[in-house]
Amino acid sequence: MENGYSHRLMAQAKFKPSKLTLFISLLLTGFIFLLIPQNITSKINFAFIDIFGFFLNIGTSAAYYQAPENHSPFFVPRHEHNRLQVAYRNLQAQYLEQKQQIEELGRVRMSEPDPTTGLMLAKIVNRRKNEFIINRGSNDGLRKGQYVLGDNAVIGCIEQVSADISSVKLISSPACRLHVKISAPDVQTYFNGTMQGDDKDGAKIMNVPKKYQIKVGHLVYAAPKAGFLQSPRIIGEISRCVTDRSNPVVWDISVKPYYEFENITNVAVIIMKAEPD
């Protein structure tokens, strides 16, 4: 009898693993699971969730959906409160955006003397060399040739228009040619000219006779254009005025725009209102 009991104790002691053996066994098992393809381990994971998911989620589901008893008419469950708070934050952001647009439109409107002129605010969504892409298009009344303001000065014209976006050709682009008026306060008059972008950060006024008294610092305005611009609008000022080397009877005039390319984020497109019949 004692011998049988002794054999059983020896058998239990014989098969009892040591801590080191257990650690190595678990480590090898982990390496085996790491070497198993991901699609197989994913199936095992999802199978475990399918079998035990109900028991795993029963506590968290109850805590989330079961609201404590509260008979106050102003009580709102936590998940509903969070949803309403997110909606409120979105509305608040939209309100601030609209407020900024109204302030910007009011500021531009105060500088616009012509009551028949409409203004369409737009955001710059992309920048290229001598070009802006704005988030307004034909659906907003835009069309090719309309003048564009930035910091209350003419910065270019609408070049291409789609339904909801447009490209603005800046006055620094060689493709942008505008009829301009050069102020001459010394003689209290304006001189006419044609301005073309210099493909850098400004523009040139071409073929202005040297008999006109033009100096550095004189202001340059976009000339009125039927259907697009009712009255002159400032562009910039003369930054250089010297004799043209290729044609000594005319001036070589450089224009510095009043806008800074990097600082403009919003623009306003001048839209002439249709005159009543």
Protein backbone atom coordinates (compact mmCIF):
# COMPACT_ATOMS: atom_id res chain seq x y z
CA MET A 1 0.00 0.00 0.00
CA GLU A 2 2.75 2.37 0.99
CA ASN A 3 4.70 1.39 -2.11
CA GLY A 4 1.77 2.38 -4.37
CA TYR A 5 1.39 5.71 -2.65
CA SER A 6 5.11 6.32 -2.99
CA HIS A 7 4.98 5.57 -6.72
CA ARG A 8 2.19 8.10 -7.23
CA LEU A 9 4.14 10.83 -5.42
CA MET A 10 7.20 10.08 -7.51
CA ALA A 11 5.13 10.24 -10.71
CA GLN A 12 3.68 13.65 -9.77
CA ALA A 13 7.13 14.96 -8.90
CA LYS A 14 8.51 13.55 -12.13
CA PHE A 15 5.99 15.40 -14.39
CA LYS A 16 5.94 18.69 -12.49
CA PRO A 17 7.74 21.23 -14.76
CA SER A 18 10.21 23.69 -13.34
CA LYS A 19 9.75 27.45 -13.72
CA LEU A 20 12.53 27.57 -16.30
CA THR A 21 10.91 24.79 -18.34
CA LEU A 22 7.53 26.56 -18.18
CA PHE A 23 9.10 29.86 -19.26
CA ILE A 24 10.90 28.26 -22.21
CA SER A 25 7.72 26.42 -23.26
CA LEU A 26 5.66 29.63 -23.25
CA LEU A 27 8.43 31.49 -25.08
CA LEU A 28 8.57 28.83 -27.80
CA THR A 29 4.76 28.91 -28.07
CA GLY A 30 4.92 32.68 -28.58
CA PHE A 31 7.51 32.30 -31.34
CA ILE A 32 5.33 29.70 -33.00
CA PHE A 33 2.37 32.11 -32.99
CA LEU A 34 4.61 34.83 -34.47
CA LEU A 35 5.57 32.52 -37.34
CA ILE A 36 1.97 31.55 -38.09
CA PRO A 37 0.62 33.51 -41.12
CA GLN A 38 -1.46 36.57 -40.24
CA ASN A 39 -4.59 35.33 -41.97
CA ILE A 40 -4.65 32.27 -39.69
CA THR A 41 -4.07 34.26 -36.49
CA SER A 42 -6.76 36.74 -37.57
CA LYS A 43 -9.23 33.90 -37.97
CA ILE A 44 -8.34 32.61 -34.50
CA ASN A 45 -8.78 36.11 -33.08
CA PHE A 46 -12.18 36.63 -34.71
CA ALA A 47 -13.27 33.14 -33.66
CA PHE A 48 -12.41 33.98 -30.05
CA ILE A 49 -14.36 37.25 -30.29
CA ASP A 50 -17.37 35.46 -31.81
CA ILE A 51 -17.39 32.89 -29.01
CA PHE A 52 -16.67 35.12 -26.02
CA GLY A 53 -17.64 38.55 -27.38
CA PHE A 54 -20.98 38.64 -25.58
CA PHE A 55 -19.34 38.03 -22.19
CA LEU A 56 -16.50 40.46 -22.89
CA ASN A 57 -18.82 43.32 -23.86
CA ILE A 58 -21.61 42.79 -21.39
CA GLY A 59 -19.99 45.03 -18.79
CA THR A 60 -18.95 47.89 -21.08
CA SER A 61 -22.25 47.90 -22.96
CA ALA A 62 -24.21 48.15 -19.77
CA ALA A 63 -22.00 50.94 -18.47
CA TYR A 64 -22.37 52.95 -21.71
CA TYR A 65 -26.05 52.58 -22.46
CA GLN A 66 -27.57 52.15 -19.05
CA ALA A 67 -28.11 55.65 -17.75
CA PRO A 68 -28.52 56.18 -14.03
CA GLU A 69 -32.00 56.93 -12.91
CA ASN A 70 -32.57 60.64 -13.00
CA HIS A 71 -35.99 62.21 -13.18
CA SER A 72 -34.71 65.71 -13.98
CA PRO A 73 -36.09 67.05 -17.29
CA PHE A 74 -32.64 68.53 -18.04
CA PHE A 75 -30.75 65.23 -17.75
CA VAL A 76 -28.94 64.06 -20.91
CA PRO A 77 -27.06 60.72 -21.19
CA ARG A 78 -23.30 60.93 -21.60
CA HIS A 79 -23.19 59.67 -25.20
CA GLU A 80 -25.93 62.13 -26.21
CA HIS A 81 -24.06 64.94 -24.46
CA ASN A 82 -20.89 64.11 -26.40
CA ARG A 83 -22.78 64.04 -29.70
CA LEU A 84 -24.37 67.43 -29.02
CA GLN A 85 -21.04 68.91 -27.95
CA VAL A 86 -19.41 67.87 -31.24
CA ALA A 87 -22.32 69.40 -33.20
CA TYR A 88 -21.98 72.61 -31.18
CA ARG A 89 -18.26 72.86 -31.89
CA ASN A 90 -18.89 72.45 -35.62
CA LEU A 91 -21.55 75.18 -35.59
CA GLN A 92 -19.25 77.45 -33.63
CA ALA A 93 -16.50 77.02 -36.24
CA GLN A 94 -18.97 77.76 -39.05
CA TYR A 95 -20.17 80.88 -37.23
CA LEU A 96 -16.63 82.23 -36.81
CA GLU A 97 -15.91 81.54 -40.49
CA GLN A 98 -19.05 83.43 -41.58
CA LYS A 99 -18.23 86.28 -39.20
CA GLN A 100 -14.75 86.66 -40.71
CA GLN A 101 -16.19 86.67 -44.23
CA ILE A 102 -18.74 89.37 -43.31
CA GLU A 103 -16.01 91.53 -41.75
CA GLU A 104 -13.78 91.06 -44.80
CA LEU A 105 -16.62 91.86 -47.20
CA GLY A 106 -17.51 94.96 -45.19
CA ARG A 107 -13.90 96.15 -45.26
CA VAL A 108 -13.65 95.69 -49.03
CA ARG A 109 -17.07 97.24 -49.59
CA MET A 110 -16.04 100.43 -47.76
CA SER A 111 -13.23 100.89 -50.29
CA GLU A 112 -15.52 100.34 -53.29
CA PRO A 113 -17.01 103.66 -54.46
CA ASP A 114 -19.25 102.24 -57.19
CA PRO A 115 -22.69 101.00 -55.98
CA THR A 116 -23.20 98.92 -59.13
CA THR A 117 -20.23 96.72 -58.26
CA GLY A 118 -20.78 93.35 -56.61
CA LEU A 119 -18.10 91.48 -54.70
CA MET A 120 -17.64 87.74 -54.34
CA LEU A 121 -15.30 86.63 -51.57
CA ALA A 122 -13.17 83.56 -52.28
CA LYS A 123 -10.49 81.52 -50.56
CA ILE A 124 -7.16 80.64 -52.18
CA VAL A 125 -6.99 76.85 -52.31
CA ASN A 126 -3.77 76.51 -54.32
CA ARG A 127 -0.83 78.64 -55.40
CA ARG A 128 1.27 78.39 -58.50
CA LYS A 129 3.78 80.68 -60.13
CA ASN A 130 1.92 83.89 -61.05
CA GLU A 131 -1.42 82.18 -60.36
CA PHE A 132 -3.97 81.54 -57.61
CA ILE A 133 -6.68 78.88 -57.60
CA ILE A 134 -9.81 80.02 -55.74
CA ASN A 135 -12.89 78.16 -54.50
CA ARG A 136 -15.46 80.06 -56.59
CA GLY A 137 -16.65 79.40 -60.12
CA SER A 138 -19.38 79.95 -62.68
CA ASN A 139 -22.00 78.85 -60.14
CA ASP A 140 -21.07 81.98 -58.18
CA GLY A 141 -21.23 84.34 -61.18
CA LEU A 142 -17.55 84.29 -62.10
CA ARG A 143 -16.36 84.60 -65.69
CA LYS A 144 -13.13 85.15 -67.54
CA GLY A 145 -11.73 88.67 -67.43
CA GLN A 146 -13.18 89.78 -64.10
CA TYR A 147 -10.86 91.76 -61.87
CA VAL A 148 -9.67 90.27 -58.58
CA LEU A 149 -8.81 92.25 -55.45
CA GLY A 150 -6.38 91.33 -52.70
CA ASP A 151 -5.80 93.73 -49.80
CA ASN A 152 -8.14 96.13 -51.65
CA ALA A 153 -5.77 96.34 -54.65
CA VAL A 154 -6.13 94.73 -58.08
CA ILE A 155 -3.93 91.62 -58.08
CA GLY A 156 -5.03 90.00 -61.36
CA CYS A 157 -7.92 88.72 -63.44
CA ILE A 158 -9.97 85.56 -63.70
CA GLU A 159 -8.39 83.36 -66.37
CA GLN A 160 -10.20 80.01 -66.38
CA VAL A 161 -13.56 79.13 -64.81
CA SER A 162 -15.25 75.86 -63.94
CA ALA A 163 -18.44 75.30 -61.97
CA ASP A 164 -16.88 75.66 -58.52
CA ILE A 165 -13.23 76.74 -58.91
CA SER A 166 -11.35 79.35 -60.96
CA SER A 167 -7.79 80.38 -61.73
CA VAL A 168 -6.56 83.93 -61.15
CA LYS A 169 -3.78 85.17 -63.41
CA LEU A 170 -1.71 87.55 -61.28
CA ILE A 171 -0.45 90.85 -62.64
CA SER A 172 3.10 89.48 -62.40
CA SER A 173 2.29 86.94 -65.14
CA PRO A 174 3.43 87.76 -68.70
CA ALA A 175 0.02 86.48 -69.83
CA CYS A 176 -1.70 89.28 -67.87
CA ARG A 177 -2.02 92.51 -69.86
CA LEU A 178 -4.05 95.38 -68.42
CA HIS A 179 -4.87 98.89 -69.50
CA VAL A 180 -3.71 101.19 -66.73
CA LYS A 181 -3.71 104.83 -65.67
CA ILE A 182 -0.59 106.41 -64.16
CA SER A 183 -1.27 109.27 -61.79
CA ALA A 184 0.82 112.41 -62.28
CA PRO A 185 0.04 114.67 -59.30
CA ASP A 186 2.58 117.27 -60.45
CA VAL A 187 0.41 118.05 -63.50
CA GLN A 188 -2.84 116.77 -61.98
CA THR A 189 -3.61 114.27 -64.71
CA TYR A 190 -3.42 110.58 -65.64
CA PHE A 191 -1.30 108.97 -68.34
CA ASN A 192 -2.61 105.88 -70.11
CA GLY A 193 -0.53 102.77 -70.69
CA THR A 194 -0.50 99.00 -71.03
CA MET A 195 0.94 96.90 -68.24
CA GLN A 196 2.31 93.36 -68.57
CA GLY A 197 3.73 91.03 -65.92
CA ASP A 198 7.50 90.69 -65.68
CA ASP A 199 7.34 86.97 -64.70
CA LYS A 200 8.91 87.81 -61.33
CA ASP A 201 7.11 89.80 -58.66
CA GLY A 202 5.95 92.88 -60.55
CA ALA A 203 5.04 94.26 -63.94
CA LYS A 204 6.20 96.57 -66.74
CA ILE A 205 4.42 99.47 -68.44
CA MET A 206 5.35 99.63 -72.09
CA ASN A 207 5.65 102.33 -74.74
CA VAL A 208 4.97 105.38 -72.59
CA PRO A 209 6.54 108.46 -74.30
CA LYS A 210 9.25 110.25 -72.38
CA LYS A 211 7.39 113.53 -72.80
CA TYR A 212 5.10 112.36 -69.99
CA GLN A 213 6.41 113.44 -66.59
CA ILE A 214 6.48 110.09 -64.78
CA LYS A 215 8.45 109.53 -61.58
CA VAL A 216 9.16 106.78 -59.07
CA GLY A 217 6.36 106.68 -56.52
CA HIS A 218 3.57 107.64 -58.91
CA LEU A 219 0.53 105.41 -58.44
CA VAL A 220 -0.74 102.95 -61.03
CA TYR A 221 -4.45 102.13 -61.39
CA ALA A 222 -6.38 99.57 -63.41
CA ALA A 223 -8.28 101.54 -66.02
CA PRO A 224 -12.09 101.26 -66.21
CA LYS A 225 -13.33 98.56 -68.55
CA ALA A 226 -16.93 98.22 -69.72
CA GLY A 227 -18.65 95.28 -68.07
CA PHE A 228 -15.74 94.56 -65.74
CA LEU A 229 -14.56 97.68 -63.92
CA GLN A 230 -16.55 100.87 -63.51
CA SER A 231 -13.91 103.07 -61.90
CA PRO A 232 -10.09 102.99 -61.50
CA ARG A 233 -8.70 100.65 -58.84
CA ILE A 234 -5.22 100.83 -57.36
CA ILE A 235 -2.62 98.26 -58.48
CA GLY A 236 0.67 99.56 -57.10
CA GLU A 237 3.27 102.24 -57.68
CA ILE A 238 6.17 103.03 -59.99
CA SER A 239 9.32 101.47 -58.57
CA ARG A 240 11.65 102.27 -61.48
CA CYS A 241 11.47 104.72 -64.36
CA VAL A 242 14.44 105.04 -66.73
CA THR A 243 15.02 105.55 -70.43
CA ASP A 244 14.36 102.42 -72.49
CA ARG A 245 17.68 101.26 -73.93
CA SER A 246 16.10 99.68 -76.98
CA ASN A 247 13.92 102.72 -77.68
CA PRO A 248 15.24 105.96 -76.13
CA VAL A 249 12.03 107.93 -76.80
CA VAL A 250 9.97 105.90 -74.31
CA TRP A 251 10.22 105.06 -70.64
CA ASP A 252 11.23 101.71 -69.15
CA ILE A 253 8.78 101.56 -66.22
CA SER A 254 8.60 98.94 -63.49
CA VAL A 255 5.57 98.56 -61.21
CA LYS A 256 5.61 97.21 -57.65
CA PRO A 257 2.21 95.72 -56.72
CA TYR A 258 0.59 96.63 -53.41
CA TYR A 259 -0.08 92.99 -52.52
CA GLU A 260 2.31 90.42 -51.06
CA PHE A 261 1.98 86.98 -52.61
CA GLU A 262 2.65 85.03 -49.42
CA ASN A 263 0.30 87.02 -47.17
CA ILE A 264 -2.91 86.85 -49.20
CA THR A 265 -5.34 84.11 -48.17
CA ASN A 266 -8.67 85.59 -49.35
CA VAL A 267 -9.58 87.57 -52.45
CA ALA A 268 -12.64 89.43 -53.71
CA VAL A 269 -13.83 89.14 -57.31
CA ILE A 270 -15.48 92.23 -58.81
CA ILE A 271 -18.79 91.27 -60.40
CA MET A 272 -20.55 94.05 -62.25
CA LYS A 273 -24.28 94.06 -61.61
CA ALA A 274 -26.49 94.03 -64.67
CA GLU A 275 -27.93 97.46 -65.33
CA PRO A 276 -31.77 97.62 -65.37
CA ASP A 277 -33.38 98.03 -68.79
